[in-house]
Protein backbone atom coordinates (compact mmCIF):
# COMPACT_ATOMS: atom_id res chain seq x y z
CA MET A 1 -13.73 -6.84 -37.01
CA PRO A 2 -11.79 -3.72 -37.86
CA THR A 3 -8.46 -3.19 -36.15
CA PHE A 4 -9.72 -0.15 -34.22
CA GLU A 5 -12.49 -2.19 -32.58
CA ILE A 6 -10.09 -4.97 -31.62
CA LEU A 7 -7.65 -2.45 -30.09
CA GLY A 8 -10.54 -0.78 -28.25
CA LEU A 9 -11.72 -4.09 -26.79
CA ALA A 10 -8.15 -5.00 -25.80
CA ALA A 11 -7.75 -1.63 -24.04
CA LEU A 12 -11.05 -2.12 -22.17
CA ALA A 13 -9.99 -5.63 -21.15
CA ALA A 14 -6.64 -4.31 -19.88
CA LEU A 15 -8.38 -1.60 -17.84
CA ALA A 16 -10.81 -4.14 -16.37
CA TRP A 17 -7.89 -6.40 -15.40
CA LEU A 18 -6.04 -3.45 -13.82
CA TRP A 19 -9.13 -2.49 -11.81
CA TYR A 20 -9.73 -6.07 -10.61
CA ASP A 21 -6.07 -6.64 -9.73
CA SER A 22 -5.90 -3.30 -7.90
CA ILE A 23 -8.89 -4.25 -5.74
CA GLN A 24 -7.18 -7.51 -4.72
CA VAL A 25 -3.80 -5.89 -4.03
CA ARG A 26 -5.44 -3.07 -2.08
CA GLY A 27 -6.95 -5.71 0.23
CA ILE A 28 -3.48 -7.16 0.78
CA GLY A 29 -2.20 -3.65 1.57
CA ILE A 30 -4.96 -3.07 4.12
CA GLY A 31 -4.15 -6.39 5.78
CA ALA A 32 -0.44 -5.52 5.95
CA ALA A 33 -1.16 -2.08 7.42
CA LYS A 34 -3.51 -3.59 10.03
CA ALA A 35 -0.97 -6.25 10.99
CA ALA A 36 1.86 -3.72 11.30
CA CYS A 37 -0.24 -1.37 13.41
CA ALA A 38 -1.39 -4.22 15.65
CA ALA A 39 2.20 -5.44 16.10
CA GLU A 40 3.38 -1.96 17.09
CA GLY A 41 0.38 -1.13 19.29
CA LEU A 42 -0.87 1.56 16.90
CA GLN A 43 -4.37 2.39 15.73
CA LEU A 44 -5.02 2.24 11.97
CA LEU A 45 -7.24 5.20 11.21
CA ASP A 46 -10.09 4.96 8.68
CA ASP A 47 -9.30 1.22 8.21
CA THR A 48 -8.11 1.84 4.66
CA VAL A 49 -5.17 2.64 2.40
CA ALA A 50 -4.98 5.04 -0.56
CA ILE A 51 -2.87 4.63 -3.68
CA ALA A 52 0.09 7.02 -3.73
CA SER A 53 2.16 5.60 -6.60
CA LEU A 54 1.83 3.05 -9.39
CA ARG A 55 4.67 2.08 -11.72
CA LEU A 56 6.37 -0.85 -13.38
CA ALA A 57 9.26 -2.59 -11.61
CA ARG A 58 11.17 -5.87 -11.84
CA ASP A 59 11.17 -8.56 -9.18
CA ASP A 60 14.17 -10.73 -8.22
CA ASP A 61 13.50 -13.06 -11.16
CA GLY A 62 13.45 -10.20 -13.67
CA ARG A 63 9.69 -10.27 -14.29
CA VAL A 64 7.97 -6.92 -14.84
CA LEU A 65 5.26 -6.33 -12.23
CA LEU A 66 3.27 -3.39 -10.93
CA ARG A 67 4.84 -1.66 -7.93
CA ARG A 68 2.20 0.05 -5.84
CA VAL A 69 2.71 2.36 -2.88
CA TYR A 70 -0.29 2.87 -0.62
CA GLY A 71 -0.48 5.51 2.09
CA PHE A 72 -2.43 5.22 5.32
CA ASP A 73 -2.93 7.14 8.55
CA TYR A 74 -2.35 5.77 12.03
CA SER A 75 -2.30 7.10 15.56
CA ASP A 76 0.10 6.23 18.34
CA THR A 77 -1.58 8.25 21.11
CA GLY A 78 -5.21 8.28 19.98
CA ASN A 79 -5.33 12.03 19.44
CA ASN A 80 -2.93 12.51 16.53
CA ARG A 81 -2.63 11.45 12.91
CA ARG A 82 0.61 10.14 11.42
CA ASN A 83 1.40 8.90 7.91
CA GLY A 84 2.52 5.39 7.02
CA SER A 85 2.97 3.51 3.77
CA VAL A 86 2.87 0.01 2.30
CA VAL A 87 4.95 -0.92 -0.76
CA LEU A 88 3.82 -3.92 -2.81
CA LEU A 89 5.44 -5.52 -5.84
CA GLY A 90 2.80 -7.56 -7.59
CA GLN A 91 0.92 -9.15 -4.71
CA ARG A 92 3.94 -9.34 -2.40
CA VAL A 93 4.43 -6.87 0.45
CA LEU A 94 7.92 -5.38 0.35
CA ILE A 95 7.84 -2.67 3.02
CA VAL A 96 5.44 -1.45 5.68
CA ASN A 97 6.55 1.90 7.04
CA VAL A 98 5.04 3.30 10.23
CA GLY A 99 7.73 5.96 10.51
CA LEU A 100 9.73 7.08 13.46
CA ARG A 101 7.83 7.68 16.63
CA LEU A 102 8.66 8.73 20.15
CA VAL A 103 8.43 5.77 22.50
CA ALA A 104 9.18 7.44 25.85
CA SER A 105 10.35 10.82 26.87
CA THR A 106 11.26 11.05 30.52
CA PRO A 107 13.84 13.65 31.49
CA THR A 108 16.43 12.46 33.94
CA LEU A 109 18.51 14.70 36.16
CA HIS A 110 21.90 13.56 37.36
């Protein structure tokens, strides 16, 4: 086979692997977002996450892995939409961010 065909097949194989791996990691991100929202008493809107960033990063052992940041929407009152994010390194969840939110606001007079 000519070199161009071999490189083309290798590129297609790499893209197929990236697509398959991204589907698996996205499922992990959805699970992490659902768990974080359930733990905080929040409602995960649309039941999904969307890729916000994809880049190479090193783990604690020095291996190069894909670092993905997924964004999602949640609601704390049922009638609003707030932004959260999930950061994954490889298939490991690093951070789930549901942002700052107002827990109670009761004015007191002294």
